[in-house]
PDB file of N, CA and C in Angstrom:
ATOM      1  N   GLN A   1      -9.856  12.135  -0.163  1.00  0.00           N
ATOM      2  CA  GLN A   1     -10.246  11.065   0.812  1.00  0.00           C
ATOM      3  C   GLN A   1      -9.019  10.051   1.643  1.00  0.00           C
ATOM      4  N   LEU A   2      -8.012  10.016   0.706  1.00  0.00           N
ATOM      5  CA  LEU A   2      -6.864   9.477   1.090  1.00  0.00           C
ATOM      6  C   LEU A   2      -5.897  10.015   0.629  1.00  0.00           C
ATOM      7  N   GLN A   3      -4.937   9.727   1.584  1.00  0.00           N
ATOM      8  CA  GLN A   3      -3.362  10.925   1.925  1.00  0.00           C
ATOM      9  C   GLN A   3      -2.710   9.617   2.344  1.00  0.00           C
ATOM     10  N   ALA A   4      -1.427   9.500   1.432  1.00  0.00           N
ATOM     11  CA  ALA A   4      -0.622   8.521   1.561  1.00  0.00           C
ATOM     12  C   ALA A   4       0.512   9.007   1.719  1.00  0.00           C
ATOM     13  N   SER A   5       1.544   8.715   2.732  1.00  0.00           N
ATOM     14  CA  SER A   5       2.953   9.445   3.088  1.00  0.00           C
ATOM     15  C   SER A   5       3.470   8.222   3.541  1.00  0.00           C
ATOM     16  N   GLY A   6       5.085   8.705   3.898  1.00  0.00           N
ATOM     17  CA  GLY A   6       5.889   7.634   4.479  1.00  0.00           C
ATOM     18  C   GLY A   6       7.376   7.385   3.363  1.00  0.00           C
ATOM     19  N   GLY A   7       7.246   7.580   1.997  1.00  0.00           N
ATOM     20  CA  GLY A   7       8.049   7.159   0.943  1.00  0.00           C
ATOM     21  C   GLY A   7       9.352   8.090   1.530  1.00  0.00           C
ATOM     22  N   GLY A   8      10.259   7.886   0.732  1.00  0.00           N
ATOM     23  CA  GLY A   8      11.640   8.451   0.837  1.00  0.00           C
ATOM     24  C   GLY A   8      12.292   7.842  -0.152  1.00  0.00           C
ATOM     25  N   LEU A   9      14.158   8.178   0.353  1.00  0.00           N
ATOM     26  CA  LEU A   9      14.922   7.354  -0.375  1.00  0.00           C
ATOM     27  C   LEU A   9      15.781   6.532   0.782  1.00  0.00           C
ATOM     28  N   VAL A  10      15.798   4.937   0.156  1.00  0.00           N
ATOM     29  CA  VAL A  10      16.297   4.174   1.514  1.00  0.00           C
ATOM     30  C   VAL A  10      17.567   3.442   0.454  1.00  0.00           C
ATOM     31  N   GLN A  11      18.587   3.237   0.909  1.00  0.00           N
ATOM     32  CA  GLN A  11      19.469   2.125   0.299  1.00  0.00           C
ATOM     33  C   GLN A  11      18.879   0.732   0.422  1.00  0.00           C
ATOM     34  N   ALA A  12      19.684   0.138  -0.258  1.00  0.00           N
ATOM     35  CA  ALA A  12      19.120  -2.053  -0.858  1.00  0.00           C
ATOM     36  C   ALA A  12      19.276  -1.933   0.880  1.00  0.00           C
ATOM     37  N   GLY A  13      17.959  -2.999   1.192  1.00  0.00           N
ATOM     38  CA  GLY A  13      18.146  -3.392   2.815  1.00  0.00           C
ATOM     39  C   GLY A  13      17.581  -2.539   3.749  1.00  0.00           C
ATOM     40  N   GLY A  14      16.851  -1.783   3.907  1.00  0.00           N
ATOM     41  CA  GLY A  14      16.305  -0.693   4.483  1.00  0.00           C
ATOM     42  C   GLY A  14      14.868  -0.604   4.869  1.00  0.00           C
ATOM     43  N   SER A  15      14.419   0.181   5.654  1.00  0.00           N
ATOM     44  CA  SER A  15      13.192  -0.082   5.599  1.00  0.00           C
ATOM     45  C   SER A  15      12.327   1.392   5.570  1.00  0.00           C
ATOM     46  N   LEU A  16      10.792   1.319   5.303  1.00  0.00           N
ATOM     47  CA  LEU A  16      10.036   2.193   5.430  1.00  0.00           C
ATOM     48  C   LEU A  16       8.642   2.035   5.816  1.00  0.00           C
ATOM     49  N   ARG A  17       8.096   2.848   6.603  1.00  0.00           N
ATOM     50  CA  ARG A  17       6.447   2.459   6.446  1.00  0.00           C
ATOM     51  C   ARG A  17       5.668   3.741   5.952  1.00  0.00           C
ATOM     52  N   LEU A  18       5.002   3.071   5.109  1.00  0.00           N
ATOM     53  CA  LEU A  18       4.045   4.071   4.641  1.00  0.00           C
ATOM     54  C   LEU A  18       2.694   3.729   5.574  1.00  0.00           C
ATOM     55  N   SER A  19       1.886   5.101   5.446  1.00  0.00           N
ATOM     56  CA  SER A  19       0.738   5.421   5.747  1.00  0.00           C
ATOM     57  C   SER A  19      -0.173   5.852   5.095  1.00  0.00           C
ATOM     58  N   CYS A  20      -1.659   5.439   5.081  1.00  0.00           N
ATOM     59  CA  CYS A  20      -2.831   5.792   4.373  1.00  0.00           C
ATOM     60  C   CYS A  20      -3.892   6.510   5.697  1.00  0.00           C
ATOM     61  N   VAL A  21      -4.307   7.929   5.320  1.00  0.00           N
ATOM     62  CA  VAL A  21      -5.328   8.456   6.348  1.00  0.00           C
ATOM     63  C   VAL A  21      -6.418   8.165   5.405  1.00  0.00           C
ATOM     64  N   ALA A  22      -7.901   7.586   5.684  1.00  0.00           N
ATOM     65  CA  ALA A  22      -8.924   7.940   4.709  1.00  0.00           C
ATOM     66  C   ALA A  22      -9.807   8.999   5.726  1.00  0.00           C
ATOM     67  N   SER A  23     -10.988   8.845   5.036  1.00  0.00           N
ATOM     68  CA  SER A  23     -11.990   9.687   5.902  1.00  0.00           C
ATOM     69  C   SER A  23     -13.053   8.505   6.096  1.00  0.00           C
ATOM     70  N   GLY A  24     -13.137   8.888   7.311  1.00  0.00           N
ATOM     71  CA  GLY A  24     -14.353   7.663   7.802  1.00  0.00           C
ATOM     72  C   GLY A  24     -15.222   7.179   6.811  1.00  0.00           C
ATOM     73  N   SER A  25     -15.764   7.530   5.923  1.00  0.00           N
ATOM     74  CA  SER A  25     -16.986   7.514   5.577  1.00  0.00           C
ATOM     75  C   SER A  25     -16.810   6.096   4.263  1.00  0.00           C
ATOM     76  N   ILE A  26     -15.453   5.908   3.568  1.00  0.00           N
ATOM     77  CA  ILE A  26     -14.972   5.002   2.921  1.00  0.00           C
ATOM     78  C   ILE A  26     -13.853   4.083   3.462  1.00  0.00           C
ATOM     79  N   PHE A  27     -13.979   4.720   5.180  1.00  0.00           N
ATOM     80  CA  PHE A  27     -12.355   3.299   5.428  1.00  0.00           C
ATOM     81  C   PHE A  27     -13.398   2.067   5.981  1.00  0.00           C
ATOM     82  N   SER A  28     -14.201   2.336   6.947  1.00  0.00           N
ATOM     83  CA  SER A  28     -14.540   1.826   7.792  1.00  0.00           C
ATOM     84  C   SER A  28     -14.805   0.084   7.765  1.00  0.00           C
ATOM     85  N   ILE A  29     -15.274   0.006   6.415  1.00  0.00           N
ATOM     86  CA  ILE A  29     -16.241  -1.206   6.427  1.00  0.00           C
ATOM     87  C   ILE A  29     -15.070  -1.969   4.831  1.00  0.00           C
ATOM     88  N   ASN A  30     -14.142  -1.334   4.456  1.00  0.00           N
ATOM     89  CA  ASN A  30     -14.046  -1.574   3.288  1.00  0.00           C
ATOM     90  C   ASN A  30     -12.565  -2.264   2.830  1.00  0.00           C
ATOM     91  N   VAL A  31     -12.236  -2.594   2.361  1.00  0.00           N
ATOM     92  CA  VAL A  31     -10.648  -3.248   1.966  1.00  0.00           C
ATOM     93  C   VAL A  31      -9.858  -2.331   1.506  1.00  0.00           C
ATOM     94  N   MET A  32      -8.683  -2.556   2.008  1.00  0.00           N
ATOM     95  CA  MET A  32      -7.735  -1.884   1.552  1.00  0.00           C
ATOM     96  C   MET A  32      -6.512  -2.140   1.355  1.00  0.00           C
ATOM     97  N   GLY A  33      -6.222  -1.647   0.202  1.00  0.00           N
ATOM     98  CA  GLY A  33      -4.969  -1.988  -0.710  1.00  0.00           C
ATOM     99  C   GLY A  33      -4.331  -0.948  -1.086  1.00  0.00           C
ATOM    100  N   TRP A  34      -2.922  -1.496  -1.393  1.00  0.00           N
ATOM    101  CA  TRP A  34      -1.741  -0.745  -1.954  1.00  0.00           C
ATOM    102  C   TRP A  34      -1.202  -1.541  -3.121  1.00  0.00           C
ATOM    103  N   PHE A  35      -1.019  -0.116  -4.296  1.00  0.00           N
ATOM    104  CA  PHE A  35      -0.807  -1.009  -5.573  1.00  0.00           C
ATOM    105  C   PHE A  35       0.742   0.200  -5.730  1.00  0.00           C
ATOM    106  N   ARG A  36       1.499  -0.085  -6.623  1.00  0.00           N
ATOM    107  CA  ARG A  36       2.646   0.893  -6.704  1.00  0.00           C
ATOM    108  C   ARG A  36       2.743   0.993  -8.660  1.00  0.00           C
ATOM    109  N   GLN A  37       3.749   2.074  -9.173  1.00  0.00           N
ATOM    110  CA  GLN A  37       3.706   1.921 -10.309  1.00  0.00           C
ATOM    111  C   GLN A  37       5.155   2.797 -10.494  1.00  0.00           C
ATOM    112  N   ALA A  38       5.869   1.954 -10.902  1.00  0.00           N
ATOM    113  CA  ALA A  38       7.514   2.444 -11.328  1.00  0.00           C
ATOM    114  C   ALA A  38       7.448   2.810 -12.344  1.00  0.00           C
ATOM    115  N   PRO A  39       8.718   3.733 -13.185  1.00  0.00           N
ATOM    116  CA  PRO A  39       8.878   4.630 -14.353  1.00  0.00           C
ATOM    117  C   PRO A  39       8.979   3.753 -15.303  1.00  0.00           C
ATOM    118  N   GLY A  40       7.603   4.193 -16.539  1.00  0.00           N
ATOM    119  CA  GLY A  40       7.901   3.280 -17.558  1.00  0.00           C
ATOM    120  C   GLY A  40       6.986   1.907 -17.392  1.00  0.00           C
ATOM    121  N   LYS A  41       6.162   1.728 -16.481  1.00  0.00           N
ATOM    122  CA  LYS A  41       5.510   0.440 -15.881  1.00  0.00           C
ATOM    123  C   LYS A  41       4.337   0.710 -15.655  1.00  0.00           C
ATOM    124  N   GLU A  42       3.205  -0.504 -15.903  1.00  0.00           N
ATOM    125  CA  GLU A  42       1.760  -0.344 -15.247  1.00  0.00           C
ATOM    126  C   GLU A  42       1.747  -0.047 -14.115  1.00  0.00           C
ATOM    127  N   ARG A  43       0.760   0.557 -13.563  1.00  0.00           N
ATOM    128  CA  ARG A  43       0.904   0.520 -11.746  1.00  0.00           C
ATOM    129  C   ARG A  43      -0.106  -1.148 -11.567  1.00  0.00           C
ATOM    130  N   GLU A  44       0.837  -1.465 -10.619  1.00  0.00           N
ATOM    131  CA  GLU A  44       0.660  -3.016 -10.235  1.00  0.00           C
ATOM    132  C   GLU A  44       0.324  -2.969  -8.661  1.00  0.00           C
ATOM    133  N   PHE A  45      -0.607  -4.321  -8.440  1.00  0.00           N
ATOM    134  CA  PHE A  45      -1.186  -4.862  -6.726  1.00  0.00           C
ATOM    135  C   PHE A  45       0.326  -4.615  -6.305  1.00  0.00           C
ATOM    136  N   VAL A  46       0.011  -4.843  -4.940  1.00  0.00           N
ATOM    137  CA  VAL A  46       1.265  -4.775  -3.979  1.00  0.00           C
ATOM    138  C   VAL A  46       0.300  -5.447  -3.018  1.00  0.00           C
ATOM    139  N   SER A  47      -0.694  -5.303  -2.095  1.00  0.00           N
ATOM    140  CA  SER A  47      -1.296  -5.813  -1.026  1.00  0.00           C
ATOM    141  C   SER A  47      -2.511  -5.155  -0.814  1.00  0.00           C
ATOM    142  N   ILE A  48      -3.372  -6.106  -0.125  1.00  0.00           N
ATOM    143  CA  ILE A  48      -4.564  -5.644   0.549  1.00  0.00           C
ATOM    144  C   ILE A  48      -5.131  -6.138   1.789  1.00  0.00           C
ATOM    145  N   ILE A  49      -5.937  -5.660   2.722  1.00  0.00           N
ATOM    146  CA  ILE A  49      -6.409  -6.288   3.786  1.00  0.00           C
ATOM    147  C   ILE A  49      -7.717  -5.664   3.961  1.00  0.00           C
ATOM    148  N   SER A  50      -8.297  -6.905   4.190  1.00  0.00           N
ATOM    149  CA  SER A  50      -9.785  -7.129   4.753  1.00  0.00           C
ATOM    150  C   SER A  50     -10.177  -5.844   5.509  1.00  0.00           C
ATOM    151  N   TRP A  51     -11.488  -5.555   5.690  1.00  0.00           N
ATOM    152  CA  TRP A  51     -11.722  -4.195   6.525  1.00  0.00           C
ATOM    153  C   TRP A  51     -11.501  -4.679   8.131  1.00  0.00           C
ATOM    154  N   ASN A  52     -11.732  -6.352   8.535  1.00  0.00           N
ATOM    155  CA  ASN A  52     -11.113  -5.820  10.040  1.00  0.00           C
ATOM    156  C   ASN A  52      -9.735  -6.438  10.264  1.00  0.00           C
ATOM    157  N   GLY A  53      -8.552  -6.488   9.249  1.00  0.00           N
ATOM    158  CA  GLY A  53      -7.575  -6.901   9.272  1.00  0.00           C
ATOM    159  C   GLY A  53      -7.167  -8.362   9.483  1.00  0.00           C
ATOM    160  N   GLY A  54      -8.236  -8.907   8.989  1.00  0.00           N
ATOM    161  CA  GLY A  54      -8.242 -10.739   9.220  1.00  0.00           C
ATOM    162  C   GLY A  54      -7.739 -10.922   8.049  1.00  0.00           C
ATOM    163  N   THR A  55      -8.040 -10.780   7.515  1.00  0.00           N
ATOM    164  CA  THR A  55      -7.383 -11.407   6.307  1.00  0.00           C
ATOM    165  C   THR A  55      -6.184 -10.424   5.170  1.00  0.00           C
ATOM    166  N   THR A  56      -5.081 -10.725   4.967  1.00  0.00           N
ATOM    167  CA  THR A  56      -4.347 -10.161   3.816  1.00  0.00           C
ATOM    168  C   THR A  56      -3.546 -11.210   2.819  1.00  0.00           C
ATOM    169  N   TYR A  57      -2.764  -9.905   1.615  1.00  0.00           N
ATOM    170  CA  TYR A  57      -2.591 -10.785   0.771  1.00  0.00           C
ATOM    171  C   TYR A  57      -1.761 -10.035  -0.036  1.00  0.00           C
ATOM    172  N   TYR A  58      -0.653 -10.918  -0.582  1.00  0.00           N
ATOM    173  CA  TYR A  58       0.587  -9.967  -1.088  1.00  0.00           C
ATOM    174  C   TYR A  58       0.889 -10.337  -2.680  1.00  0.00           C
ATOM    175  N   ARG A  59       1.709  -9.591  -3.027  1.00  0.00           N
ATOM    176  CA  ARG A  59       2.270  -9.876  -4.477  1.00  0.00           C
ATOM    177  C   ARG A  59       3.170 -11.073  -4.340  1.00  0.00           C
ATOM    178  N   ASP A  60       3.903 -11.753  -4.904  1.00  0.00           N
ATOM    179  CA  ASP A  60       4.603 -12.533  -4.458  1.00  0.00           C
ATOM    180  C   ASP A  60       6.169 -12.302  -4.409  1.00  0.00           C
ATOM    181  N   SER A  61       6.317 -11.017  -5.006  1.00  0.00           N
ATOM    182  CA  SER A  61       7.711 -10.579  -4.758  1.00  0.00           C
ATOM    183  C   SER A  61       7.886  -9.458  -4.044  1.00  0.00           C
ATOM    184  N   VAL A  62       6.699  -9.256  -2.837  1.00  0.00           N
ATOM    185  CA  VAL A  62       7.141  -8.772  -1.377  1.00  0.00           C
ATOM    186  C   VAL A  62       6.683  -9.786  -0.260  1.00  0.00           C
ATOM    187  N   LYS A  63       6.165 -10.786  -0.749  1.00  0.00           N
ATOM    188  CA  LYS A  63       5.629 -11.369   0.549  1.00  0.00           C
ATOM    189  C   LYS A  63       7.296 -12.059   1.549  1.00  0.00           C
ATOM    190  N   GLY A  64       6.936 -11.651   3.053  1.00  0.00           N
ATOM    191  CA  GLY A  64       7.877 -11.953   3.612  1.00  0.00           C
ATOM    192  C   GLY A  64       8.595 -10.962   3.760  1.00  0.00           C
ATOM    193  N   ARG A  65       8.306  -9.909   3.045  1.00  0.00           N
ATOM    194  CA  ARG A  65       8.944  -8.403   3.395  1.00  0.00           C
ATOM    195  C   ARG A  65       8.356  -7.130   3.599  1.00  0.00           C
ATOM    196  N   PHE A  66       7.131  -7.151   2.934  1.00  0.00           N
ATOM    197  CA  PHE A  66       6.309  -6.346   3.753  1.00  0.00           C
ATOM    198  C   PHE A  66       5.181  -6.735   4.586  1.00  0.00           C
ATOM    199  N   THR A  67       4.569  -6.200   5.050  1.00  0.00           N
ATOM    200  CA  THR A  67       3.275  -6.250   6.092  1.00  0.00           C
ATOM    201  C   THR A  67       2.028  -5.247   5.768  1.00  0.00           C
ATOM    202  N   ILE A  68       1.282  -5.665   5.732  1.00  0.00           N
ATOM    203  CA  ILE A  68       0.290  -4.707   5.695  1.00  0.00           C
ATOM    204  C   ILE A  68      -0.989  -4.546   6.917  1.00  0.00           C
ATOM    205  N   SER A  69      -0.904  -3.522   7.481  1.00  0.00           N
ATOM    206  CA  SER A  69      -1.991  -3.185   8.726  1.00  0.00           C
ATOM    207  C   SER A  69      -2.737  -2.267   8.299  1.00  0.00           C
ATOM    208  N   ARG A  70      -3.872  -2.082   9.264  1.00  0.00           N
ATOM    209  CA  ARG A  70      -4.718  -1.333   9.680  1.00  0.00           C
ATOM    210  C   ARG A  70      -4.925  -0.933  11.171  1.00  0.00           C
ATOM    211  N   ASP A  71      -5.369   0.017  11.454  1.00  0.00           N
ATOM    212  CA  ASP A  71      -5.956   0.819  12.382  1.00  0.00           C
ATOM    213  C   ASP A  71      -7.224   1.614  12.208  1.00  0.00           C
ATOM    214  N   ASN A  72      -8.532   0.538  12.433  1.00  0.00           N
ATOM    215  CA  ASN A  72      -9.546   1.030  12.376  1.00  0.00           C
ATOM    216  C   ASN A  72     -10.037   2.397  13.491  1.00  0.00           C
ATOM    217  N   ALA A  73      -9.425   2.358  14.290  1.00  0.00           N
ATOM    218  CA  ALA A  73      -9.898   3.444  14.958  1.00  0.00           C
ATOM    219  C   ALA A  73      -9.553   4.989  14.718  1.00  0.00           C
ATOM    220  N   LYS A  74      -7.763   4.735  13.520  1.00  0.00           N
ATOM    221  CA  LYS A  74      -7.316   5.891  13.460  1.00  0.00           C
ATOM    222  C   LYS A  74      -7.768   6.282  11.634  1.00  0.00           C
ATOM    223  N   ASN A  75      -8.915   5.220  10.968  1.00  0.00           N
ATOM    224  CA  ASN A  75      -9.080   5.241   9.668  1.00  0.00           C
ATOM    225  C   ASN A  75      -7.703   5.003   8.770  1.00  0.00           C
ATOM    226  N   THR A  76      -6.593   4.058   9.720  1.00  0.00           N
ATOM    227  CA  THR A  76      -5.347   4.364   8.739  1.00  0.00           C
ATOM    228  C   THR A  76      -5.058   2.717   8.222  1.00  0.00           C
ATOM    229  N   VAL A  77      -4.363   3.225   7.015  1.00  0.00           N
ATOM    230  CA  VAL A  77      -3.465   1.643   7.104  1.00  0.00           C
ATOM    231  C   VAL A  77      -1.932   2.013   6.487  1.00  0.00           C
ATOM    232  N   TYR A  78      -1.446   0.883   7.227  1.00  0.00           N
ATOM    233  CA  TYR A  78       0.014   1.002   6.804  1.00  0.00           C
ATOM    234  C   TYR A  78       0.682  -0.259   5.943  1.00  0.00           C
ATOM    235  N   MET A  79       1.403   0.080   5.370  1.00  0.00           N
ATOM    236  CA  MET A  79       2.263  -1.327   4.583  1.00  0.00           C
ATOM    237  C   MET A  79       4.048  -0.853   5.530  1.00  0.00           C
ATOM    238  N   GLN A  80       4.108  -1.630   6.541  1.00  0.00           N
ATOM    239  CA  GLN A  80       5.753  -1.643   6.611  1.00  0.00           C
ATOM    240  C   GLN A  80       6.074  -2.843   5.425  1.00  0.00           C
ATOM    241  N   MET A  81       7.857  -2.151   5.033  1.00  0.00           N
ATOM    242  CA  MET A  81       8.137  -2.795   4.145  1.00  0.00           C
ATOM    243  C   MET A  81      10.335  -2.438   4.204  1.00  0.00           C
ATOM    244  N   ASN A  82      10.407  -3.758   4.351  1.00  0.00           N
ATOM    245  CA  ASN A  82      11.711  -4.501   4.817  1.00  0.00           C
ATOM    246  C   ASN A  82      12.123  -4.808   3.753  1.00  0.00           C
ATOM    247  N   ASP A  83      13.747  -4.633   3.869  1.00  0.00           N
ATOM    248  CA  ASP A  83      14.546  -5.790   3.173  1.00  0.00           C
ATOM    249  C   ASP A  83      14.005  -4.681   1.360  1.00  0.00           C
ATOM    250  N   LEU A  84      13.983  -3.649   1.814  1.00  0.00           N
ATOM    251  CA  LEU A  84      13.718  -2.954   0.279  1.00  0.00           C
ATOM    252  C   LEU A  84      14.854  -3.233  -1.231  1.00  0.00           C
ATOM    253  N   LYS A  85      14.694  -3.460  -1.730  1.00  0.00           N
ATOM    254  CA  LYS A  85      15.243  -3.700  -3.036  1.00  0.00           C
ATOM    255  C   LYS A  85      15.049  -2.557  -4.082  1.00  0.00           C
ATOM    256  N   PRO A  86      16.220  -2.271  -5.004  1.00  0.00           N
ATOM    257  CA  PRO A  86      15.575  -1.268  -6.057  1.00  0.00           C
ATOM    258  C   PRO A  86      14.715  -1.913  -7.132  1.00  0.00           C
ATOM    259  N   ASP A  87      13.978  -3.282  -7.282  1.00  0.00           N
ATOM    260  CA  ASP A  87      13.037  -3.226  -7.880  1.00  0.00           C
ATOM    261  C   ASP A  87      11.806  -2.643  -7.276  1.00  0.00           C
ATOM    262  N   ASP A  88      11.717  -1.880  -5.992  1.00  0.00           N
ATOM    263  CA  ASP A  88      10.850  -1.292  -5.228  1.00  0.00           C
ATOM    264  C   ASP A  88      10.561  -0.104  -5.391  1.00  0.00           C
ATOM    265  N   THR A  89      11.915   0.324  -6.392  1.00  0.00           N
ATOM    266  CA  THR A  89      11.309   1.533  -6.148  1.00  0.00           C
ATOM    267  C   THR A  89      10.309   2.239  -7.211  1.00  0.00           C
ATOM    268  N   ALA A  90       9.072   3.099  -6.643  1.00  0.00           N
ATOM    269  CA  ALA A  90       7.789   3.070  -7.480  1.00  0.00           C
ATOM    270  C   ALA A  90       7.300   4.667  -6.611  1.00  0.00           C
ATOM    271  N   VAL A  91       6.141   5.074  -7.666  1.00  0.00           N
ATOM    272  CA  VAL A  91       5.224   5.640  -6.578  1.00  0.00           C
ATOM    273  C   VAL A  91       4.035   4.434  -6.016  1.00  0.00           C
ATOM    274  N   TYR A  92       4.067   4.913  -4.635  1.00  0.00           N
ATOM    275  CA  TYR A  92       3.101   3.769  -4.072  1.00  0.00           C
ATOM    276  C   TYR A  92       1.658   4.485  -3.982  1.00  0.00           C
ATOM    277  N   TYR A  93       0.472   3.630  -4.275  1.00  0.00           N
ATOM    278  CA  TYR A  93      -0.734   4.811  -3.973  1.00  0.00           C
ATOM    279  C   TYR A  93      -1.528   3.918  -3.051  1.00  0.00           C
ATOM    280  N   CYS A  94      -2.470   3.892  -2.452  1.00  0.00           N
ATOM    281  CA  CYS A  94      -3.416   3.609  -1.181  1.00  0.00           C
ATOM    282  C   CYS A  94      -4.779   3.352  -1.954  1.00  0.00           C
ATOM    283  N   ALA A  95      -6.008   2.678  -1.702  1.00  0.00           N
ATOM    284  CA  ALA A  95      -6.977   2.662  -2.322  1.00  0.00           C
ATOM    285  C   ALA A  95      -7.768   1.836  -1.519  1.00  0.00           C
ATOM    286  N   VAL A  96      -9.056   2.391  -1.961  1.00  0.00           N
ATOM    287  CA  VAL A  96     -10.194   1.275  -1.245  1.00  0.00           C
ATOM    288  C   VAL A  96     -10.996   0.313  -2.266  1.00  0.00           C
ATOM    289  N   ALA A  97     -11.785  -0.783  -1.841  1.00  0.00           N
ATOM    290  CA  ALA A  97     -12.229  -1.502  -2.637  1.00  0.00           C
ATOM    291  C   ALA A  97     -13.618  -1.837  -1.894  1.00  0.00           C
ATOM    292  N   PRO A  98     -14.524  -2.462  -2.219  1.00  0.00           N
ATOM    293  CA  PRO A  98     -15.670  -2.685  -1.312  1.00  0.00           C
ATOM    294  C   PRO A  98     -15.816  -4.238  -1.291  1.00  0.00           C
ATOM    295  N   ILE A  99     -14.758  -5.075  -2.105  1.00  0.00           N
ATOM    296  CA  ILE A  99     -14.743  -6.807  -2.082  1.00  0.00           C
ATOM    297  C   ILE A  99     -13.389  -6.624  -2.188  1.00  0.00           C
ATOM    298  N   PHE A 100     -12.759  -7.760  -1.846  1.00  0.00           N
ATOM    299  CA  PHE A 100     -11.622  -8.432  -1.230  1.00  0.00           C
ATOM    300  C   PHE A 100     -11.382  -8.497  -2.765  1.00  0.00           C
ATOM    301  N   THR A 101     -10.082  -7.699  -3.226  1.00  0.00           N
ATOM    302  CA  THR A 101      -9.563  -8.344  -4.600  1.00  0.00           C
ATOM    303  C   THR A 101      -8.479  -7.622  -4.961  1.00  0.00           C
ATOM    304  N   THR A 102      -7.689  -8.333  -6.076  1.00  0.00           N
ATOM    305  CA  THR A 102      -6.629  -7.638  -6.134  1.00  0.00           C
ATOM    306  C   THR A 102      -6.688  -6.569  -7.844  1.00  0.00           C
ATOM    307  N   THR A 103      -8.050  -6.799  -8.126  1.00  0.00           N
ATOM    308  CA  THR A 103      -8.092  -6.468  -9.413  1.00  0.00           C
ATOM    309  C   THR A 103      -8.402  -4.639  -9.449  1.00  0.00           C
ATOM    310  N   GLU A 104      -7.640  -3.653  -9.985  1.00  0.00           N
ATOM    311  CA  GLU A 104      -7.206  -2.488  -9.956  1.00  0.00           C
ATOM    312  C   GLU A 104      -9.032  -1.924 -10.268  1.00  0.00           C
ATOM    313  N   GLU A 105      -9.217  -2.215 -11.414  1.00  0.00           N
ATOM    314  CA  GLU A 105     -10.911  -1.369 -11.502  1.00  0.00           C
ATOM    315  C   GLU A 105     -12.063  -1.853 -10.777  1.00  0.00           C
ATOM    316  N   SER A 106     -11.471  -2.609  -9.686  1.00  0.00           N
ATOM    317  CA  SER A 106     -12.364  -2.699  -8.373  1.00  0.00           C
ATOM    318  C   SER A 106     -12.219  -1.381  -7.160  1.00  0.00           C
ATOM    319  N   PHE A 107     -10.845  -0.868  -7.542  1.00  0.00           N
ATOM    320  CA  PHE A 107     -10.848  -0.014  -6.070  1.00  0.00           C
ATOM    321  C   PHE A 107     -11.461   1.291  -6.833  1.00  0.00           C
ATOM    322  N   THR A 108     -12.384   1.614  -5.886  1.00  0.00           N
ATOM    323  CA  THR A 108     -13.229   3.234  -6.407  1.00  0.00           C
ATOM    324  C   THR A 108     -12.500   4.454  -5.883  1.00  0.00           C
ATOM    325  N   SER A 109     -11.989   4.207  -5.061  1.00  0.00           N
ATOM    326  CA  SER A 109     -10.981   5.816  -4.422  1.00  0.00           C
ATOM    327  C   SER A 109      -9.181   5.546  -4.301  1.00  0.00           C
ATOM    328  N   TRP A 110      -8.823   6.558  -4.702  1.00  0.00           N
ATOM    329  CA  TRP A 110      -7.223   6.408  -4.991  1.00  0.00           C
ATOM    330  C   TRP A 110      -6.814   7.607  -3.564  1.00  0.00           C
ATOM    331  N   GLY A 111      -5.574   7.058  -3.442  1.00  0.00           N
ATOM    332  CA  GLY A 111      -5.288   8.400  -3.068  1.00  0.00           C
ATOM    333  C   GLY A 111      -4.121   8.876  -4.075  1.00  0.00           C
ATOM    334  N   ARG A 112      -3.438   9.963  -3.314  1.00  0.00           N
ATOM    335  CA  ARG A 112      -2.079  10.519  -4.230  1.00  0.00           C
ATOM    336  C   ARG A 112      -1.115   9.856  -3.465  1.00  0.00           C
ATOM    337  N   GLY A 113      -0.314   9.341  -4.643  1.00  0.00           N
ATOM    338  CA  GLY A 113       1.403   8.596  -4.659  1.00  0.00           C
ATOM    339  C   GLY A 113       1.882   8.973  -3.516  1.00  0.00           C
ATOM    340  N   THR A 114       2.893   8.541  -3.070  1.00  0.00           N
ATOM    341  CA  THR A 114       3.963   8.838  -1.881  1.00  0.00           C
ATOM    342  C   THR A 114       4.968   7.665  -2.749  1.00  0.00           C
ATOM    343  N   GLN A 115       6.130   8.525  -3.160  1.00  0.00           N
ATOM    344  CA  GLN A 115       7.612   8.342  -3.983  1.00  0.00           C
ATOM    345  C   GLN A 115       8.370   7.262  -3.015  1.00  0.00           C
ATOM    346  N   VAL A 116       8.879   5.823  -3.559  1.00  0.00           N
ATOM    347  CA  VAL A 116       9.720   5.301  -2.905  1.00  0.00           C
ATOM    348  C   VAL A 116      10.818   4.934  -3.493  1.00  0.00           C
ATOM    349  N   THR A 117      11.958   5.329  -2.983  1.00  0.00           N
ATOM    350  CA  THR A 117      13.191   5.191  -3.998  1.00  0.00           C
ATOM    351  C   THR A 117      13.990   4.304  -3.705  1.00  0.00           C
ATOM    352  N   VAL A 118      14.583   3.448  -3.951  1.00  0.00           N
ATOM    353  CA  VAL A 118      15.609   2.841  -2.932  1.00  0.00           C
ATOM    354  C   VAL A 118      16.884   2.522  -4.043  1.00  0.00           C
ATOM    355  N   SER A 119      18.113   2.772  -3.689  1.00  0.00           N
ATOM    356  CA  SER A 119      19.240   2.972  -3.998  1.00  0.00           C
ATOM    357  C   SER A 119      20.240   1.478  -3.828  1.00  0.00           C
ATOM    358  N   SER A 120      20.843   1.231  -4.954  1.00  0.00           N
ATOM    359  CA  SER A 120      21.448  -0.077  -4.732  1.00  0.00           C
ATOM    360  C   SER A 120      23.069  -0.015  -3.990  1.00  0.00           C
TER     361      SER A 120
END
């Protein structure tokens, strides 16, 4: 129901744009979020966006560098990632939640991740 794409290998300071397409039944009125999991670490929240795109929230380490957006007509959420750093290396997942929250347990549907690797 969720399909993330756009990952890849990039040098530090570079940019990538992740996309996540969701089925219409789960996308239209739900919060969309991005999480990531680096090797040997727990999955962590990255960003979320409200159902109408009016409200967004980011983890501190990506503020000013990452931008989440959505196109409800295309059932797609994006995350533009600029000024990437080696610490951003992780598998990135998109997910759906019925409420505006950063709590992973509240997200009910998850896509398969996309790998982002940032070289120094």
